[in-house]
PDB file of N, CA and C in Angstrom:
ATOM      1  N   UNK A   1     -52.551-122.043  70.344  1.00  0.00           N
ATOM      2  CA  UNK A   1     -52.840-121.662  68.990  1.00  0.00           C
ATOM      3  C   UNK A   1     -51.664-122.096  68.127  1.00  0.00           C
ATOM      4  N   UNK A   2     -51.978-122.720  67.002  1.00  0.00           N
ATOM      5  CA  UNK A   2     -50.936-123.131  66.066  1.00  0.00           C
ATOM      6  C   UNK A   2     -51.224-122.484  64.724  1.00  0.00           C
ATOM      7  N   UNK A   3     -50.255-121.781  64.190  1.00  0.00           N
ATOM      8  CA  UNK A   3     -50.390-121.158  62.886  1.00  0.00           C
ATOM      9  C   UNK A   3     -49.692-122.034  61.859  1.00  0.00           C
ATOM     10  N   UNK A   4     -50.357-122.247  60.744  1.00  0.00           N
ATOM     11  CA  UNK A   4     -49.809-123.127  59.720  1.00  0.00           C
ATOM     12  C   UNK A   4     -50.023-122.490  58.354  1.00  0.00           C
ATOM     13  N   UNK A   5     -48.976-122.425  57.541  1.00  0.00           N
ATOM     14  CA  UNK A   5     -49.044-121.830  56.213  1.00  0.00           C
ATOM     15  C   UNK A   5     -49.236-122.926  55.172  1.00  0.00           C
ATOM     16  N   UNK A   6     -50.188-122.727  54.266  1.00  0.00           N
ATOM     17  CA  UNK A   6     -50.453-123.688  53.191  1.00  0.00           C
ATOM     18  C   UNK A   6     -50.275-122.972  51.855  1.00  0.00           C
ATOM     19  N   UNK A   7     -49.085-123.058  51.247  1.00  0.00           N
ATOM     20  CA  UNK A   7     -48.815-122.305  50.015  1.00  0.00           C
ATOM     21  C   UNK A   7     -49.706-122.694  48.841  1.00  0.00           C
ATOM     22  N   UNK A   8     -50.296-123.873  48.867  1.00  0.00           N
ATOM     23  CA  UNK A   8     -51.151-124.291  47.759  1.00  0.00           C
ATOM     24  C   UNK A   8     -52.520-123.604  47.768  1.00  0.00           C
ATOM     25  N   UNK A   9     -52.855-122.954  48.861  1.00  0.00           N
ATOM     26  CA  UNK A   9     -54.141-122.245  48.936  1.00  0.00           C
ATOM     27  C   UNK A   9     -53.989-120.853  48.351  1.00  0.00           C
ATOM     28  N   UNK A  10     -54.972-120.454  47.552  1.00  0.00           N
ATOM     29  CA  UNK A  10     -54.896-119.131  46.921  1.00  0.00           C
ATOM     30  C   UNK A  10     -56.075-118.235  47.299  1.00  0.00           C
ATOM     31  N   UNK A  11     -56.754-118.580  48.385  1.00  0.00           N
ATOM     32  CA  UNK A  11     -57.871-117.752  48.832  1.00  0.00           C
ATOM     33  C   UNK A  11     -57.531-117.088  50.156  1.00  0.00           C
ATOM     34  N   UNK A  12     -58.452-116.298  50.665  1.00  0.00           N
ATOM     35  CA  UNK A  12     -58.201-115.593  51.926  1.00  0.00           C
ATOM     36  C   UNK A  12     -58.997-116.199  53.078  1.00  0.00           C
ATOM     37  N   UNK A  13     -59.290-117.496  52.967  1.00  0.00           N
ATOM     38  CA  UNK A  13     -60.055-118.200  53.989  1.00  0.00           C
ATOM     39  C   UNK A  13     -59.143-118.640  55.132  1.00  0.00           C
ATOM     40  N   UNK A  14     -59.660-118.587  56.347  1.00  0.00           N
ATOM     41  CA  UNK A  14     -58.931-119.056  57.517  1.00  0.00           C
ATOM     42  C   UNK A  14     -59.688-120.244  58.097  1.00  0.00           C
ATOM     43  N   UNK A  15     -58.996-121.364  58.287  1.00  0.00           N
ATOM     44  CA  UNK A  15     -59.594-122.537  58.906  1.00  0.00           C
ATOM     45  C   UNK A  15     -59.370-122.474  60.404  1.00  0.00           C
ATOM     46  N   UNK A  16     -60.404-122.756  61.160  1.00  0.00           N
ATOM     47  CA  UNK A  16     -60.302-122.802  62.617  1.00  0.00           C
ATOM     48  C   UNK A  16     -60.759-124.178  63.060  1.00  0.00           C
ATOM     49  N   UNK A  17     -59.901-124.874  63.764  1.00  0.00           N
ATOM     50  CA  UNK A  17     -60.216-126.220  64.231  1.00  0.00           C
ATOM     51  C   UNK A  17     -60.342-126.181  65.744  1.00  0.00           C
ATOM     52  N   UNK A  18     -61.479-126.623  66.240  1.00  0.00           N
ATOM     53  CA  UNK A  18     -61.741-126.610  67.673  1.00  0.00           C
ATOM     54  C   UNK A  18     -61.499-128.002  68.237  1.00  0.00           C
ATOM     55  N   UNK A  19     -60.710-128.074  69.295  1.00  0.00           N
ATOM     56  CA  UNK A  19     -60.415-129.351  69.928  1.00  0.00           C
ATOM     57  C   UNK A  19     -61.353-129.661  71.082  1.00  0.00           C
ATOM     58  N   UNK A  20     -61.088-130.741  71.741  1.00  0.00           N
ATOM     59  CA  UNK A  20     -61.933-131.200  72.847  1.00  0.00           C
ATOM     60  C   UNK A  20     -61.953-130.226  74.021  1.00  0.00           C
ATOM     61  N   UNK A  21     -60.890-129.469  74.181  1.00  0.00           N
ATOM     62  CA  UNK A  21     -60.810-128.532  75.304  1.00  0.00           C
ATOM     63  C   UNK A  21     -61.569-127.231  75.032  1.00  0.00           C
ATOM     64  N   UNK A  22     -62.148-127.099  73.833  1.00  0.00           N
ATOM     65  CA  UNK A  22     -62.881-125.883  73.493  1.00  0.00           C
ATOM     66  C   UNK A  22     -64.052-125.681  74.442  1.00  0.00           C
ATOM     67  N   UNK A  23     -64.181-124.456  74.970  1.00  0.00           N
ATOM     68  CA  UNK A  23     -65.273-124.173  75.896  1.00  0.00           C
ATOM     69  C   UNK A  23     -66.161-123.018  75.448  1.00  0.00           C
ATOM     70  N   UNK A  24     -65.592-122.004  74.783  1.00  0.00           N
ATOM     71  CA  UNK A  24     -66.416-120.889  74.350  1.00  0.00           C
ATOM     72  C   UNK A  24     -65.715-120.075  73.268  1.00  0.00           C
ATOM     73  N   UNK A  25     -66.487-119.280  72.546  1.00  0.00           N
ATOM     74  CA  UNK A  25     -65.935-118.381  71.539  1.00  0.00           C
ATOM     75  C   UNK A  25     -65.463-117.099  72.202  1.00  0.00           C
ATOM     76  N   UNK A  26     -64.442-116.508  71.638  1.00  0.00           N
ATOM     77  CA  UNK A  26     -63.931-115.234  72.137  1.00  0.00           C
ATOM     78  C   UNK A  26     -64.628-114.094  71.411  1.00  0.00           C
ATOM     79  N   UNK A  27     -64.580-112.936  72.009  1.00  0.00           N
ATOM     80  CA  UNK A  27     -65.082-111.746  71.330  1.00  0.00           C
ATOM     81  C   UNK A  27     -64.048-111.349  70.273  1.00  0.00           C
ATOM     82  N   UNK A  28     -64.438-110.553  69.274  1.00  0.00           N
ATOM     83  CA  UNK A  28     -63.444-110.110  68.283  1.00  0.00           C
ATOM     84  C   UNK A  28     -62.229-109.437  68.920  1.00  0.00           C
ATOM     85  N   UNK A  29     -62.432-108.668  69.966  1.00  0.00           N
ATOM     86  CA  UNK A  29     -61.311-108.016  70.650  1.00  0.00           C
ATOM     87  C   UNK A  29     -60.379-109.043  71.269  1.00  0.00           C
ATOM     88  N   UNK A  30     -60.937-110.068  71.906  1.00  0.00           N
ATOM     89  CA  UNK A  30     -60.116-111.111  72.527  1.00  0.00           C
ATOM     90  C   UNK A  30     -59.348-111.912  71.467  1.00  0.00           C
ATOM     91  N   UNK A  31     -59.972-112.136  70.320  1.00  0.00           N
ATOM     92  CA  UNK A  31     -59.286-112.833  69.227  1.00  0.00           C
ATOM     93  C   UNK A  31     -58.095-112.005  68.758  1.00  0.00           C
ATOM     94  N   UNK A  32     -58.309-110.718  68.534  1.00  0.00           N
ATOM     95  CA  UNK A  32     -57.223-109.837  68.089  1.00  0.00           C
ATOM     96  C   UNK A  32     -56.081-109.817  69.102  1.00  0.00           C
ATOM     97  N   UNK A  33     -56.403-109.797  70.380  1.00  0.00           N
ATOM     98  CA  UNK A  33     -55.377-109.796  71.418  1.00  0.00           C
ATOM     99  C   UNK A  33     -54.602-111.112  71.415  1.00  0.00           C
ATOM    100  N   UNK A  34     -55.298-112.227  71.215  1.00  0.00           N
ATOM    101  CA  UNK A  34     -54.635-113.532  71.191  1.00  0.00           C
ATOM    102  C   UNK A  34     -53.706-113.641  69.992  1.00  0.00           C
ATOM    103  N   UNK A  35     -54.158-113.175  68.836  1.00  0.00           N
ATOM    104  CA  UNK A  35     -53.327-113.220  67.631  1.00  0.00           C
ATOM    105  C   UNK A  35     -52.112-112.306  67.806  1.00  0.00           C
ATOM    106  N   UNK A  36     -52.324-111.116  68.331  1.00  0.00           N
ATOM    107  CA  UNK A  36     -51.222-110.182  68.555  1.00  0.00           C
ATOM    108  C   UNK A  36     -50.227-110.741  69.568  1.00  0.00           C
ATOM    109  N   UNK A  37     -50.729-111.501  70.532  1.00  0.00           N
ATOM    110  CA  UNK A  37     -49.859-112.089  71.551  1.00  0.00           C
ATOM    111  C   UNK A  37     -48.907-113.134  71.001  1.00  0.00           C
ATOM    112  N   UNK A  38     -49.206-113.664  69.819  1.00  0.00           N
ATOM    113  CA  UNK A  38     -48.315-114.640  69.188  1.00  0.00           C
ATOM    114  C   UNK A  38     -47.113-113.980  68.528  1.00  0.00           C
ATOM    115  N   UNK A  39     -47.122-112.672  68.429  1.00  0.00           N
ATOM    116  CA  UNK A  39     -46.002-111.963  67.820  1.00  0.00           C
ATOM    117  C   UNK A  39     -46.140-111.909  66.312  1.00  0.00           C
ATOM    118  N   UNK A  40     -45.292-111.097  65.710  1.00  0.00           N
ATOM    119  CA  UNK A  40     -45.329-110.928  64.267  1.00  0.00           C
ATOM    120  C   UNK A  40     -44.577-112.071  63.607  1.00  0.00           C
ATOM    121  N   UNK A  41     -45.205-112.687  62.649  1.00  0.00           N
ATOM    122  CA  UNK A  41     -44.595-113.800  61.924  1.00  0.00           C
ATOM    123  C   UNK A  41     -43.934-113.292  60.658  1.00  0.00           C
ATOM    124  N   UNK A  42     -42.851-113.929  60.277  1.00  0.00           N
ATOM    125  CA  UNK A  42     -42.198-113.614  59.009  1.00  0.00           C
ATOM    126  C   UNK A  42     -42.927-114.360  57.904  1.00  0.00           C
ATOM    127  N   UNK A  43     -43.136-113.690  56.790  1.00  0.00           N
ATOM    128  CA  UNK A  43     -43.785-114.344  55.652  1.00  0.00           C
ATOM    129  C   UNK A  43     -42.849-115.415  55.098  1.00  0.00           C
ATOM    130  N   UNK A  44     -43.401-116.547  54.680  1.00  0.00           N
ATOM    131  CA  UNK A  44     -42.561-117.588  54.084  1.00  0.00           C
ATOM    132  C   UNK A  44     -41.878-117.063  52.825  1.00  0.00           C
ATOM    133  N   UNK A  45     -40.666-117.535  52.517  1.00  0.00           N
ATOM    134  CA  UNK A  45     -39.945-117.082  51.316  1.00  0.00           C
ATOM    135  C   UNK A  45     -40.793-117.279  50.056  1.00  0.00           C
ATOM    136  N   UNK A  46     -40.746-116.305  49.166  1.00  0.00           N
ATOM    137  CA  UNK A  46     -41.461-116.398  47.907  1.00  0.00           C
ATOM    138  C   UNK A  46     -42.923-116.012  47.978  1.00  0.00           C
ATOM    139  N   UNK A  47     -43.371-115.449  49.104  1.00  0.00           N
ATOM    140  CA  UNK A  47     -44.772-115.060  49.235  1.00  0.00           C
ATOM    141  C   UNK A  47     -44.879-113.579  49.529  1.00  0.00           C
ATOM    142  N   UNK A  48     -46.011-113.023  49.257  1.00  0.00           N
ATOM    143  CA  UNK A  48     -46.339-111.643  49.622  1.00  0.00           C
ATOM    144  C   UNK A  48     -45.302-110.631  49.156  1.00  0.00           C
ATOM    145  N   UNK A  49     -44.615-110.920  48.075  1.00  0.00           N
ATOM    146  CA  UNK A  49     -43.613-109.991  47.585  1.00  0.00           C
ATOM    147  C   UNK A  49     -42.405-109.870  48.479  1.00  0.00           C
ATOM    148  N   UNK A  50     -42.224-110.796  49.402  1.00  0.00           N
ATOM    149  CA  UNK A  50     -41.092-110.759  50.322  1.00  0.00           C
ATOM    150  C   UNK A  50     -39.859-111.278  49.614  1.00  0.00           C
ATOM    151  N   UNK A  51     -38.786-110.536  49.712  1.00  0.00           N
ATOM    152  CA  UNK A  51     -37.521-110.963  49.124  1.00  0.00           C
ATOM    153  C   UNK A  51     -36.613-111.398  50.259  1.00  0.00           C
ATOM    154  N   UNK A  52     -36.075-112.596  50.159  1.00  0.00           N
ATOM    155  CA  UNK A  52     -35.195-113.109  51.208  1.00  0.00           C
ATOM    156  C   UNK A  52     -33.922-112.273  51.269  1.00  0.00           C
ATOM    157  N   UNK A  53     -33.511-111.933  52.488  1.00  0.00           N
ATOM    158  CA  UNK A  53     -32.266-111.194  52.688  1.00  0.00           C
ATOM    159  C   UNK A  53     -31.156-112.086  53.184  1.00  0.00           C
ATOM    160  N   UNK A  54     -31.465-113.401  53.289  1.00  0.00           N
ATOM    161  CA  UNK A  54     -30.471-114.355  53.758  1.00  0.00           C
ATOM    162  C   UNK A  54     -29.662-114.882  52.586  1.00  0.00           C
ATOM    163  N   UNK A  55     -28.373-114.668  52.603  1.00  0.00           N
ATOM    164  CA  UNK A  55     -27.472-115.212  51.571  1.00  0.00           C
ATOM    165  C   UNK A  55     -26.197-115.681  52.192  1.00  0.00           C
TER     166      UNK A  55
END
């Protein structure tokens, strides 16, 4: 799974691209587990009201 941020997008749509190795869809529970398994991502600077603490 690759997560990619596109700051030019202003909607809440998620694009899912299936490759050649795709074999089946996951259940909603399995999707949630896979996303959670990637760990918590930090929001990119300047988004979601996040203020950078790096100086």
